[in-house]
Amino acid sequence: MLGRKKDQTPEVVTQAQDAPASTISSDDVAAGGKGRPTPKRREAEAKNRRPLVVNDPKAARAAQRKANAEARARMNEAMVTGEDKYLPAQHRGEQRRYIRDYVDARWSLGEFFLPIAFVFVILTFVLGNDPRFALPLLLGLYALVAVAVVDAIFVGRRIRKQLAAKFGAEKVQKGTIMYAVLRSFQLRPTRMPKPQNRRGQYPA
């Protein structure tokens, strides 16, 4: 009888392993079984995998348009408030802010260049046929341009020296003089980013 029981033991184990999940009893679960077949590795990975990009091209384009619109809104607001974080790259940084504040604090001949040039153009149309006025008007316009450019370059060089003293000569950004010249030729109300200081309020 002992030999017969030994022969039956492997057969019982084999039947328990081959039995489907639906036939496994609660006693088997209590004995340590899962009560369900173990999922394959590929099935488990596929279940946990999440797509990194949206599969729907239309939804992806809509999301990109929304993100671009939000970025433009933040940038436009920064151009008014002067918040450095969202400004375009060419206006970002302490040195660019220093240049803008210095130029905005002074009266520049260049900022009045366009209105004065417009007056010269009108006078040229009205008096241009008279040789007594044509040449003086043209020379006057050229003189205005020359003086405005010289004034802007002088201011740019002065700002560059102050930046070198404040941040170090080797750390001064390129294009400092040109940045100051271009801003000084803009009318104060049309300058972007908007001026954040008053006339005469120079940066430290």
N, C-alpha and C. Protein backbone atom coordinates (compact mmCIF):
# COMPACT_ATOMS: atom_id res chain seq x y z
N MET A 1 0.82 -1.21 0.00
CA MET A 1 0.00 0.00 0.00
C MET A 1 0.85 1.25 0.00
N LEU A 2 1.95 1.22 0.69
CA LEU A 2 2.82 2.38 0.67
C LEU A 2 3.35 2.64 -0.73
N GLY A 3 3.67 1.60 -1.44
CA GLY A 3 4.16 1.76 -2.80
C GLY A 3 3.11 2.31 -3.73
N ARG A 4 1.83 1.96 -3.47
CA ARG A 4 0.75 2.47 -4.33
C ARG A 4 0.54 3.96 -4.13
N LYS A 5 0.61 4.45 -2.87
CA LYS A 5 0.44 5.88 -2.61
C LYS A 5 1.55 6.70 -3.24
N LYS A 6 2.77 6.15 -3.21
CA LYS A 6 3.87 6.87 -3.84
C LYS A 6 3.66 7.01 -5.32
N ASP A 7 3.05 6.00 -5.93
CA ASP A 7 2.83 6.07 -7.38
C ASP A 7 1.76 7.07 -7.73
N GLN A 8 0.80 7.36 -6.83
CA GLN A 8 -0.29 8.28 -7.14
C GLN A 8 0.09 9.74 -6.94
N THR A 9 1.08 10.02 -6.14
CA THR A 9 1.42 11.41 -5.81
C THR A 9 1.84 12.22 -7.02
N PRO A 10 2.76 11.78 -7.87
CA PRO A 10 3.14 12.57 -9.06
C PRO A 10 1.97 12.79 -9.98
N GLU A 11 1.07 11.82 -10.07
CA GLU A 11 -0.07 11.97 -10.98
C GLU A 11 -1.00 13.08 -10.53
N VAL A 12 -1.21 13.20 -9.22
CA VAL A 12 -2.07 14.26 -8.69
C VAL A 12 -1.47 15.62 -8.94
N VAL A 13 -0.16 15.78 -8.77
CA VAL A 13 0.51 17.05 -9.00
C VAL A 13 0.41 17.46 -10.45
N THR A 14 0.58 16.48 -11.34
CA THR A 14 0.52 16.77 -12.77
C THR A 14 -0.86 17.24 -13.17
N GLN A 15 -1.89 16.64 -12.63
CA GLN A 15 -3.24 17.04 -12.96
C GLN A 15 -3.53 18.44 -12.44
N ALA A 16 -3.02 18.77 -11.28
CA ALA A 16 -3.23 20.11 -10.73
C ALA A 16 -2.56 21.17 -11.57
N GLN A 17 -1.38 20.87 -12.14
CA GLN A 17 -0.68 21.84 -12.97
C GLN A 17 -1.38 22.03 -14.30
N ASP A 18 -1.93 20.93 -14.85
CA ASP A 18 -2.55 21.02 -16.18
C ASP A 18 -3.97 21.52 -16.12
N ALA A 19 -4.56 21.65 -14.94
CA ALA A 19 -5.96 22.06 -14.85
C ALA A 19 -6.10 23.50 -15.26
N PRO A 20 -7.18 23.90 -15.99
CA PRO A 20 -7.41 25.30 -16.36
C PRO A 20 -7.72 26.15 -15.15
N ALA A 21 -7.61 27.47 -15.32
CA ALA A 21 -7.79 28.39 -14.19
C ALA A 21 -9.19 28.30 -13.63
N SER A 22 -10.20 28.02 -14.48
CA SER A 22 -11.58 27.99 -14.01
C SER A 22 -11.86 26.83 -13.09
N THR A 23 -11.02 25.78 -13.19
CA THR A 23 -11.24 24.59 -12.37
C THR A 23 -10.50 24.61 -11.07
N ILE A 24 -9.67 25.65 -10.85
CA ILE A 24 -8.90 25.73 -9.62
C ILE A 24 -9.81 26.18 -8.50
N SER A 25 -9.84 25.45 -7.44
CA SER A 25 -10.76 25.73 -6.34
C SER A 25 -10.20 26.76 -5.39
N SER A 26 -11.08 27.24 -4.50
CA SER A 26 -10.64 28.20 -3.48
C SER A 26 -9.64 27.59 -2.53
N ASP A 27 -9.73 26.25 -2.36
CA ASP A 27 -8.75 25.60 -1.50
C ASP A 27 -7.35 25.70 -2.09
N ASP A 28 -7.29 25.61 -3.46
CA ASP A 28 -5.99 25.74 -4.11
C ASP A 28 -5.43 27.14 -3.93
N VAL A 29 -6.33 28.18 -4.02
CA VAL A 29 -5.88 29.56 -3.83
C VAL A 29 -5.38 29.76 -2.42
N ALA A 30 -6.11 29.21 -1.46
CA ALA A 30 -5.69 29.36 -0.07
C ALA A 30 -4.38 28.66 0.19
N ALA A 31 -4.12 27.63 -0.62
CA ALA A 31 -2.88 26.89 -0.43
C ALA A 31 -1.68 27.61 -0.99
N GLY A 32 -1.91 28.75 -1.66
CA GLY A 32 -0.78 29.52 -2.16
C GLY A 32 -0.83 29.75 -3.65
N GLY A 33 -1.84 29.26 -4.38
CA GLY A 33 -1.95 29.50 -5.81
C GLY A 33 -2.51 30.87 -6.11
N LYS A 34 -2.29 31.39 -7.34
CA LYS A 34 -2.77 32.71 -7.75
C LYS A 34 -4.25 32.71 -8.08
N GLY A 35 -4.77 31.56 -8.52
CA GLY A 35 -6.15 31.51 -8.94
C GLY A 35 -6.37 31.94 -10.37
N ARG A 36 -5.30 32.32 -11.10
CA ARG A 36 -5.37 32.75 -12.50
C ARG A 36 -4.02 32.48 -13.14
N PRO A 37 -4.00 32.33 -14.49
CA PRO A 37 -2.72 32.08 -15.16
C PRO A 37 -1.83 33.31 -15.14
N THR A 38 -0.55 33.10 -15.03
CA THR A 38 0.40 34.22 -15.02
C THR A 38 0.50 34.82 -16.41
N PRO A 39 0.30 36.18 -16.57
CA PRO A 39 0.36 36.78 -17.90
C PRO A 39 1.77 36.72 -18.46
N LYS A 40 1.83 36.69 -19.78
CA LYS A 40 3.13 36.68 -20.42
C LYS A 40 3.81 38.04 -20.26
N ARG A 41 5.13 38.03 -20.40
CA ARG A 41 5.89 39.27 -20.21
C ARG A 41 5.51 40.33 -21.24
N ARG A 42 5.34 39.91 -22.51
CA ARG A 42 4.99 40.88 -23.55
C ARG A 42 3.63 41.51 -23.30
N GLU A 43 2.68 40.69 -22.80
CA GLU A 43 1.36 41.23 -22.51
C GLU A 43 1.41 42.24 -21.37
N ALA A 44 2.21 41.95 -20.34
CA ALA A 44 2.34 42.88 -19.21
C ALA A 44 2.99 44.19 -19.64
N GLU A 45 4.03 44.13 -20.49
CA GLU A 45 4.70 45.34 -20.96
C GLU A 45 3.78 46.16 -21.84
N ALA A 46 2.99 45.48 -22.69
CA ALA A 46 2.07 46.21 -23.56
C ALA A 46 0.99 46.90 -22.76
N LYS A 47 0.57 46.28 -21.65
CA LYS A 47 -0.47 46.87 -20.81
C LYS A 47 0.04 48.13 -20.11
N ASN A 48 1.29 48.10 -19.68
CA ASN A 48 1.86 49.24 -18.94
C ASN A 48 2.41 50.33 -19.84
N ARG A 49 2.57 50.02 -21.10
CA ARG A 49 3.15 51.00 -22.01
C ARG A 49 2.15 52.10 -22.32
N ARG A 50 2.61 53.34 -22.31
CA ARG A 50 1.77 54.49 -22.64
C ARG A 50 2.40 55.23 -23.81
N PRO A 51 1.64 55.68 -24.77
CA PRO A 51 2.22 56.40 -25.92
C PRO A 51 2.79 57.73 -25.50
N LEU A 52 4.01 58.05 -25.98
CA LEU A 52 4.66 59.31 -25.66
C LEU A 52 4.11 60.47 -26.47
N VAL A 53 3.57 60.20 -27.65
CA VAL A 53 3.00 61.22 -28.50
C VAL A 53 1.57 60.83 -28.83
N VAL A 54 0.81 61.84 -29.19
CA VAL A 54 -0.58 61.59 -29.54
C VAL A 54 -0.62 60.94 -30.91
N ASN A 55 -1.38 59.85 -31.00
CA ASN A 55 -1.46 59.12 -32.27
C ASN A 55 -2.34 59.84 -33.28
N ASP A 56 -3.25 60.69 -32.79
CA ASP A 56 -4.16 61.41 -33.67
C ASP A 56 -3.47 62.67 -34.19
N PRO A 57 -3.14 62.77 -35.48
CA PRO A 57 -2.45 63.96 -36.01
C PRO A 57 -3.25 65.24 -35.80
N LYS A 58 -4.56 65.16 -35.94
CA LYS A 58 -5.39 66.35 -35.78
C LYS A 58 -5.33 66.86 -34.35
N ALA A 59 -5.40 65.97 -33.38
CA ALA A 59 -5.29 66.38 -31.98
C ALA A 59 -3.91 66.92 -31.67
N ALA A 60 -2.87 66.34 -32.27
CA ALA A 60 -1.51 66.81 -32.05
C ALA A 60 -1.33 68.23 -32.58
N ARG A 61 -1.88 68.49 -33.78
CA ARG A 61 -1.78 69.85 -34.34
C ARG A 61 -2.54 70.85 -33.49
N ALA A 62 -3.72 70.45 -33.00
CA ALA A 62 -4.49 71.35 -32.15
C ALA A 62 -3.74 71.67 -30.85
N ALA A 63 -3.11 70.65 -30.26
CA ALA A 63 -2.34 70.88 -29.03
C ALA A 63 -1.14 71.78 -29.30
N GLN A 64 -0.48 71.60 -30.46
CA GLN A 64 0.67 72.43 -30.80
C GLN A 64 0.25 73.88 -31.03
N ARG A 65 -0.89 74.08 -31.71
CA ARG A 65 -1.39 75.44 -31.93
C ARG A 65 -1.72 76.12 -30.60
N LYS A 66 -2.30 75.38 -29.70
CA LYS A 66 -2.63 75.94 -28.39
C LYS A 66 -1.37 76.33 -27.63
N ALA A 67 -0.35 75.46 -27.67
CA ALA A 67 0.90 75.76 -26.98
C ALA A 67 1.58 76.99 -27.59
N ASN A 68 1.56 77.09 -28.94
CA ASN A 68 2.17 78.25 -29.60
C ASN A 68 1.43 79.53 -29.25
N ALA A 69 0.09 79.46 -29.19
CA ALA A 69 -0.69 80.65 -28.85
C ALA A 69 -0.40 81.11 -27.43
N GLU A 70 -0.26 80.17 -26.52
CA GLU A 70 0.06 80.53 -25.13
C GLU A 70 1.46 81.14 -25.04
N ALA A 71 2.41 80.60 -25.80
CA ALA A 71 3.77 81.15 -25.79
C ALA A 71 3.79 82.57 -26.36
N ARG A 72 3.02 82.80 -27.44
CA ARG A 72 2.96 84.16 -28.01
C ARG A 72 2.31 85.13 -27.04
N ALA A 73 1.28 84.68 -26.35
CA ALA A 73 0.61 85.55 -25.38
C ALA A 73 1.56 85.94 -24.25
N ARG A 74 2.33 84.97 -23.76
CA ARG A 74 3.30 85.28 -22.70
C ARG A 74 4.37 86.24 -23.20
N MET A 75 4.82 86.05 -24.45
CA MET A 75 5.86 86.92 -25.00
C MET A 75 5.33 88.34 -25.19
N ASN A 76 4.10 88.47 -25.71
CA ASN A 76 3.52 89.80 -25.91
C ASN A 76 3.34 90.52 -24.59
N GLU A 77 2.94 89.79 -23.57
CA GLU A 77 2.79 90.41 -22.25
C GLU A 77 4.15 90.84 -21.70
N ALA A 78 5.17 90.01 -21.93
CA ALA A 78 6.51 90.36 -21.47
C ALA A 78 7.06 91.58 -22.19
N MET A 79 6.70 91.77 -23.45
CA MET A 79 7.17 92.95 -24.18
C MET A 79 6.59 94.23 -23.60
N VAL A 80 5.49 94.11 -22.88
CA VAL A 80 4.88 95.28 -22.24
C VAL A 80 5.38 95.45 -20.81
N THR A 81 5.45 94.34 -20.08
CA THR A 81 5.83 94.41 -18.67
C THR A 81 7.34 94.34 -18.45
N GLY A 82 8.09 93.87 -19.47
CA GLY A 82 9.54 93.76 -19.33
C GLY A 82 9.99 92.53 -18.58
N GLU A 83 9.10 91.54 -18.38
CA GLU A 83 9.49 90.31 -17.67
C GLU A 83 10.51 89.56 -18.51
N ASP A 84 11.71 89.43 -17.98
CA ASP A 84 12.84 88.93 -18.75
C ASP A 84 12.67 87.47 -19.17
N LYS A 85 11.99 86.68 -18.38
CA LYS A 85 11.90 85.23 -18.62
C LYS A 85 11.25 84.90 -19.96
N TYR A 86 10.26 85.68 -20.38
CA TYR A 86 9.50 85.36 -21.58
C TYR A 86 9.82 86.29 -22.75
N LEU A 87 10.84 87.13 -22.61
CA LEU A 87 11.24 88.00 -23.71
C LEU A 87 11.94 87.20 -24.80
N PRO A 88 11.90 87.68 -26.05
CA PRO A 88 12.70 87.04 -27.10
C PRO A 88 14.18 87.08 -26.75
N ALA A 89 14.94 86.18 -27.34
CA ALA A 89 16.35 86.02 -26.97
C ALA A 89 17.15 87.30 -27.17
N GLN A 90 16.84 88.09 -28.22
CA GLN A 90 17.63 89.29 -28.50
C GLN A 90 17.42 90.39 -27.47
N HIS A 91 16.36 90.28 -26.65
CA HIS A 91 16.08 91.30 -25.63
C HIS A 91 16.32 90.80 -24.21
N ARG A 92 16.76 89.56 -24.06
CA ARG A 92 16.83 88.94 -22.75
C ARG A 92 18.18 89.18 -22.09
N GLY A 93 18.17 89.33 -20.77
CA GLY A 93 19.42 89.45 -20.03
C GLY A 93 19.56 90.79 -19.34
N GLU A 94 20.42 90.81 -18.32
CA GLU A 94 20.63 92.05 -17.55
C GLU A 94 21.25 93.15 -18.39
N GLN A 95 22.18 92.79 -19.28
CA GLN A 95 22.85 93.81 -20.09
C GLN A 95 21.89 94.47 -21.07
N ARG A 96 21.04 93.67 -21.68
CA ARG A 96 20.05 94.25 -22.60
C ARG A 96 19.09 95.17 -21.84
N ARG A 97 18.71 94.76 -20.65
CA ARG A 97 17.83 95.60 -19.84
C ARG A 97 18.54 96.90 -19.47
N TYR A 98 19.82 96.84 -19.17
CA TYR A 98 20.59 98.04 -18.82
C TYR A 98 20.62 99.00 -20.01
N ILE A 99 20.87 98.47 -21.21
CA ILE A 99 20.93 99.31 -22.40
C ILE A 99 19.59 100.00 -22.63
N ARG A 100 18.51 99.23 -22.52
CA ARG A 100 17.19 99.83 -22.76
C ARG A 100 16.90 100.93 -21.75
N ASP A 101 17.21 100.68 -20.48
CA ASP A 101 16.93 101.68 -19.45
C ASP A 101 17.76 102.94 -19.67
N TYR A 102 19.00 102.77 -20.11
CA TYR A 102 19.85 103.95 -20.32
C TYR A 102 19.35 104.77 -21.51
N VAL A 103 19.04 104.09 -22.61
CA VAL A 103 18.56 104.81 -23.79
C VAL A 103 17.22 105.48 -23.51
N ASP A 104 16.35 104.79 -22.79
CA ASP A 104 15.02 105.34 -22.51
C ASP A 104 15.07 106.50 -21.53
N ALA A 105 16.14 106.61 -20.77
CA ALA A 105 16.24 107.67 -19.78
C ALA A 105 16.66 109.01 -20.39
N ARG A 106 17.21 109.01 -21.60
CA ARG A 106 17.72 110.24 -22.19
C ARG A 106 16.91 110.65 -23.42
N TRP A 107 17.09 111.90 -23.79
CA TRP A 107 16.53 112.42 -25.05
C TRP A 107 17.55 112.18 -26.15
N SER A 108 17.13 111.51 -27.19
CA SER A 108 18.02 111.23 -28.32
C SER A 108 17.51 111.92 -29.56
N LEU A 109 18.44 112.46 -30.35
CA LEU A 109 18.05 113.08 -31.61
C LEU A 109 17.48 112.04 -32.57
N GLY A 110 17.99 110.82 -32.48
CA GLY A 110 17.54 109.79 -33.39
C GLY A 110 16.07 109.46 -33.28
N GLU A 111 15.50 109.57 -32.07
CA GLU A 111 14.09 109.24 -31.92
C GLU A 111 13.17 110.25 -32.62
N PHE A 112 13.70 111.42 -32.92
CA PHE A 112 12.91 112.42 -33.65
C PHE A 112 13.27 112.46 -35.13
N PHE A 113 14.09 111.51 -35.56
CA PHE A 113 14.56 111.53 -36.94
C PHE A 113 13.39 111.32 -37.92
N LEU A 114 12.56 110.34 -37.68
CA LEU A 114 11.47 110.05 -38.61
C LEU A 114 10.49 111.22 -38.75
N PRO A 115 10.02 111.83 -37.65
CA PRO A 115 9.14 112.99 -37.82
C PRO A 115 9.81 114.15 -38.57
N ILE A 116 11.08 114.43 -38.22
CA ILE A 116 11.77 115.54 -38.90
C ILE A 116 12.01 115.19 -40.37
N ALA A 117 12.38 113.94 -40.65
CA ALA A 117 12.58 113.53 -42.03
C ALA A 117 11.29 113.64 -42.83
N PHE A 118 10.17 113.35 -42.20
CA PHE A 118 8.88 113.48 -42.89
C PHE A 118 8.61 114.93 -43.26
N VAL A 119 8.95 115.84 -42.35
CA VAL A 119 8.79 117.28 -42.65
C VAL A 119 9.69 117.69 -43.81
N PHE A 120 10.91 117.18 -43.83
CA PHE A 120 11.83 117.48 -44.92
C PHE A 120 11.27 116.99 -46.25
N VAL A 121 10.68 115.81 -46.24
CA VAL A 121 10.11 115.26 -47.49
C VAL A 121 8.97 116.15 -47.99
N ILE A 122 8.11 116.59 -47.09
CA ILE A 122 7.00 117.48 -47.48
C ILE A 122 7.54 118.79 -48.05
N LEU A 123 8.54 119.36 -47.39
CA LEU A 123 9.12 120.61 -47.87
C LEU A 123 9.79 120.43 -49.23
N THR A 124 10.36 119.25 -49.44
CA THR A 124 11.00 118.97 -50.72
C THR A 124 9.98 118.94 -51.84
N PHE A 125 8.82 118.34 -51.59
CA PHE A 125 7.77 118.33 -52.60
C PHE A 125 7.23 119.73 -52.89
N VAL A 126 7.17 120.53 -51.83
CA VAL A 126 6.60 121.88 -52.00
C VAL A 126 7.61 122.84 -52.59
N LEU A 127 8.85 122.79 -52.12
CA LEU A 127 9.85 123.77 -52.52
C LEU A 127 10.98 123.17 -53.34
N GLY A 128 10.84 121.91 -53.70
CA GLY A 128 11.93 121.24 -54.39
C GLY A 128 12.24 121.80 -55.76
N ASN A 129 11.27 122.41 -56.41
CA ASN A 129 11.51 122.96 -57.74
C ASN A 129 12.26 124.28 -57.71
N ASP A 130 12.33 124.85 -56.53
CA ASP A 130 13.05 126.12 -56.38
C ASP A 130 14.49 125.81 -55.98
N PRO A 131 15.47 126.11 -56.82
CA PRO A 131 16.86 125.78 -56.51
C PRO A 131 17.38 126.46 -55.26
N ARG A 132 16.72 127.54 -54.84
CA ARG A 132 17.17 128.22 -53.63
C ARG A 132 16.92 127.38 -52.38
N PHE A 133 15.94 126.45 -52.43
CA PHE A 133 15.58 125.64 -51.26
C PHE A 133 15.93 124.16 -51.42
N ALA A 134 16.02 123.69 -52.64
CA ALA A 134 16.23 122.26 -52.86
C ALA A 134 17.55 121.78 -52.24
N LEU A 135 18.63 122.47 -52.55
CA LEU A 135 19.94 122.05 -52.04
C LEU A 135 20.05 122.22 -50.52
N PRO A 136 19.63 123.32 -49.95
CA PRO A 136 19.69 123.44 -48.49
C PRO A 136 18.86 122.37 -47.76
N LEU A 137 17.70 122.02 -48.32
CA LEU A 137 16.87 120.99 -47.70
C LEU A 137 17.58 119.63 -47.72
N LEU A 138 18.18 119.32 -48.86
CA LEU A 138 18.89 118.04 -48.97
C LEU A 138 20.08 117.99 -48.04
N LEU A 139 20.86 119.07 -47.99
CA LEU A 139 22.00 119.11 -47.09
C LEU A 139 21.57 119.05 -45.63
N GLY A 140 20.47 119.70 -45.33
CA GLY A 140 19.95 119.67 -43.95
C GLY A 140 19.53 118.27 -43.53
N LEU A 141 18.91 117.53 -44.47
CA LEU A 141 18.51 116.15 -44.16
C LEU A 141 19.74 115.27 -43.92
N TYR A 142 20.76 115.42 -44.77
CA TYR A 142 21.99 114.65 -44.58
C TYR A 142 22.67 115.01 -43.26
N ALA A 143 22.66 116.27 -42.91
CA ALA A 143 23.27 116.70 -41.66
C ALA A 143 22.52 116.11 -40.46
N LEU A 144 21.19 116.05 -40.56
CA LEU A 144 20.40 115.48 -39.48
C LEU A 144 20.73 114.00 -39.29
N VAL A 145 20.85 113.28 -40.39
CA VAL A 145 21.19 111.85 -40.32
C VAL A 145 22.56 111.66 -39.67
N ALA A 146 23.53 112.47 -40.11
CA ALA A 146 24.90 112.32 -39.59
C ALA A 146 24.95 112.61 -38.09
N VAL A 147 24.30 113.69 -37.67
CA VAL A 147 24.33 114.04 -36.24
C VAL A 147 23.63 112.98 -35.40
N ALA A 148 22.49 112.46 -35.89
CA ALA A 148 21.76 111.44 -35.15
C ALA A 148 22.57 110.16 -35.01
N VAL A 149 23.27 109.76 -36.08
CA VAL A 149 24.08 108.54 -36.03
C VAL A 149 25.25 108.72 -35.08
N VAL A 150 25.93 109.88 -35.17
CA VAL A 150 27.06 110.13 -34.28
C VAL A 150 26.61 110.14 -32.82
N ASP A 151 25.47 110.75 -32.54
CA ASP A 151 24.95 110.78 -31.18
C ASP A 151 24.64 109.38 -30.67
N ALA A 152 24.02 108.55 -31.52
CA ALA A 152 23.67 107.20 -31.11
C ALA A 152 24.92 106.35 -30.87
N ILE A 153 25.93 106.49 -31.74
CA ILE A 153 27.17 105.73 -31.56
C ILE A 153 27.90 106.18 -30.29
N PHE A 154 27.88 107.47 -30.03
CA PHE A 154 28.51 107.97 -28.81
C PHE A 154 27.84 107.37 -27.57
N VAL A 155 26.52 107.34 -27.58
CA VAL A 155 25.79 106.75 -26.45
C VAL A 155 26.09 105.26 -26.33
N GLY A 156 26.14 104.57 -27.47
CA GLY A 156 26.43 103.14 -27.44
C GLY A 156 27.80 102.83 -26.86
N ARG A 157 28.81 103.62 -27.23
CA ARG A 157 30.16 103.41 -26.70
C ARG A 157 30.20 103.71 -25.21
N ARG A 158 29.46 104.72 -24.79
CA ARG A 158 29.43 105.05 -23.36
C ARG A 158 28.75 103.92 -22.57
N ILE A 159 27.69 103.39 -23.12
CA ILE A 159 27.00 102.28 -22.45
C ILE A 159 27.92 101.06 -22.37
N ARG A 160 28.67 100.82 -23.43
CA ARG A 160 29.58 99.66 -23.44
C ARG A 160 30.62 99.78 -22.33
N LYS A 161 31.15 100.98 -22.12
CA LYS A 161 32.12 101.19 -21.05
C LYS A 161 31.49 100.94 -19.68
N GLN A 162 30.27 101.39 -19.52
CA GLN A 162 29.60 101.19 -18.24
C GLN A 162 29.29 99.72 -18.00
N LEU A 163 28.94 99.00 -19.06
CA LEU A 163 28.70 97.57 -18.93
C LEU A 163 30.00 96.84 -18.55
N ALA A 164 31.11 97.28 -19.14
CA ALA A 164 32.39 96.66 -18.82
C ALA A 164 32.75 96.89 -17.36
N ALA A 165 32.45 98.08 -16.85
CA ALA A 165 32.72 98.37 -15.45
C ALA A 165 31.78 97.60 -14.52
N LYS A 166 30.58 97.34 -14.97
CA LYS A 166 29.58 96.69 -14.12
C LYS A 166 29.68 95.16 -14.15
N PHE A 167 29.87 94.59 -15.35
CA PHE A 167 29.86 93.14 -15.51
C PHE A 167 31.24 92.55 -15.83
N GLY A 168 32.19 93.41 -16.20
CA GLY A 168 33.50 92.91 -16.63
C GLY A 168 33.65 93.03 -18.13
N ALA A 169 34.81 93.50 -18.58
CA ALA A 169 35.00 93.74 -20.01
C ALA A 169 34.87 92.47 -20.83
N GLU A 170 35.30 91.33 -20.29
CA GLU A 170 35.25 90.08 -21.05
C GLU A 170 33.84 89.50 -21.12
N LYS A 171 32.92 90.01 -20.31
CA LYS A 171 31.55 89.48 -20.28
C LYS A 171 30.54 90.35 -21.02
N VAL A 172 31.00 91.44 -21.61
CA VAL A 172 30.08 92.31 -22.35
C VAL A 172 29.60 91.59 -23.60
N GLN A 173 28.30 91.56 -23.80
CA GLN A 173 27.72 90.86 -24.95
C GLN A 173 28.04 91.57 -26.25
N LYS A 174 28.08 90.80 -27.32
CA LYS A 174 28.31 91.38 -28.64
C LYS A 174 27.05 92.13 -29.11
N GLY A 175 27.28 93.13 -29.96
CA GLY A 175 26.16 93.88 -30.50
C GLY A 175 25.61 94.94 -29.59
N THR A 176 26.38 95.31 -28.55
CA THR A 176 25.89 96.29 -27.59
C THR A 176 25.62 97.64 -28.23
N ILE A 177 26.59 98.13 -29.01
CA ILE A 177 26.44 99.46 -29.63
C ILE A 177 25.29 99.47 -30.63
N MET A 178 25.20 98.43 -31.45
CA MET A 178 24.12 98.38 -32.44
C MET A 178 22.75 98.31 -31.77
N TYR A 179 22.67 97.56 -30.67
CA TYR A 179 21.39 97.47 -29.94
C TYR A 179 20.97 98.84 -29.42
N ALA A 180 21.95 99.60 -28.89
CA ALA A 180 21.65 100.94 -28.39
C ALA A 180 21.29 101.89 -29.53
N VAL A 181 21.99 101.79 -30.65
CA VAL A 181 21.72 102.68 -31.79
C VAL A 181 20.32 102.45 -32.33
N LEU A 182 19.94 101.20 -32.53
CA LEU A 182 18.62 100.90 -33.09
C LEU A 182 17.51 101.37 -32.16
N ARG A 183 17.70 101.21 -30.87
CA ARG A 183 16.65 101.65 -29.94
C ARG A 183 16.57 103.16 -29.87
N SER A 184 17.71 103.83 -29.96
CA SER A 184 17.70 105.30 -29.88
C SER A 184 17.05 105.93 -31.10
N PHE A 185 16.92 105.20 -32.22
CA PHE A 185 16.27 105.73 -33.41
C PHE A 185 14.77 105.45 -33.44
N GLN A 186 14.26 104.86 -32.38
CA GLN A 186 12.82 104.59 -32.30
C GLN A 186 12.14 105.62 -31.41
N LEU A 187 10.95 106.02 -31.79
CA LEU A 187 10.18 106.89 -30.92
C LEU A 187 9.89 106.17 -29.61
N ARG A 188 10.00 106.87 -28.51
CA ARG A 188 9.83 106.23 -27.20
C ARG A 188 8.52 105.46 -27.08
N PRO A 189 7.36 106.00 -27.52
CA PRO A 189 6.11 105.22 -27.37
C PRO A 189 6.07 103.95 -28.22
N THR A 190 6.91 103.87 -29.25
CA THR A 190 6.87 102.69 -30.13
C THR A 190 7.95 101.67 -29.81
N ARG A 191 8.77 101.93 -28.81
CA ARG A 191 9.86 101.01 -28.50
C ARG A 191 9.33 99.73 -27.86
N MET A 192 9.89 98.62 -28.31
CA MET A 192 9.56 97.31 -27.76
C MET A 192 10.85 96.59 -27.44
N PRO A 193 10.95 96.03 -26.24
CA PRO A 193 10.01 96.07 -25.11
C PRO A 193 9.74 97.49 -24.63
N LYS A 194 8.59 97.69 -24.04
CA LYS A 194 8.18 99.01 -23.60
C LYS A 194 9.14 99.55 -22.54
N PRO A 195 9.41 100.88 -22.57
CA PRO A 195 10.26 101.47 -21.53
C PRO A 195 9.69 101.23 -20.14
N GLN A 196 10.56 100.89 -19.21
CA GLN A 196 10.16 100.61 -17.84
C GLN A 196 10.63 101.69 -16.87
N ASN A 197 11.23 102.78 -17.38
CA ASN A 197 11.70 103.86 -16.53
C ASN A 197 11.31 105.20 -17.14
N ARG A 198 11.45 106.26 -16.35
CA ARG A 198 11.09 107.59 -16.81
C ARG A 198 12.31 108.29 -17.40
N ARG A 199 12.06 109.43 -18.04
CA ARG A 199 13.15 110.27 -18.54
C ARG A 199 14.01 110.73 -17.36
N GLY A 200 15.31 110.60 -17.52
CA GLY A 200 16.22 111.03 -16.47
C GLY A 200 16.48 109.96 -15.41
N GLN A 201 15.76 108.85 -15.46
CA GLN A 201 15.95 107.76 -14.49
C GLN A 201 16.93 106.74 -15.04
N TYR A 202 18.21 107.04 -14.90
CA TYR A 202 19.26 106.17 -15.44
C TYR A 202 19.49 104.96 -14.56
N PRO A 203 19.90 103.85 -15.14
CA PRO A 203 20.18 102.65 -14.35
C PRO A 203 21.43 102.84 -13.49
N ALA A 204 21.50 102.11 -12.41
CA ALA A 204 22.64 102.24 -11.48
C ALA A 204 23.89 101.69 -12.15
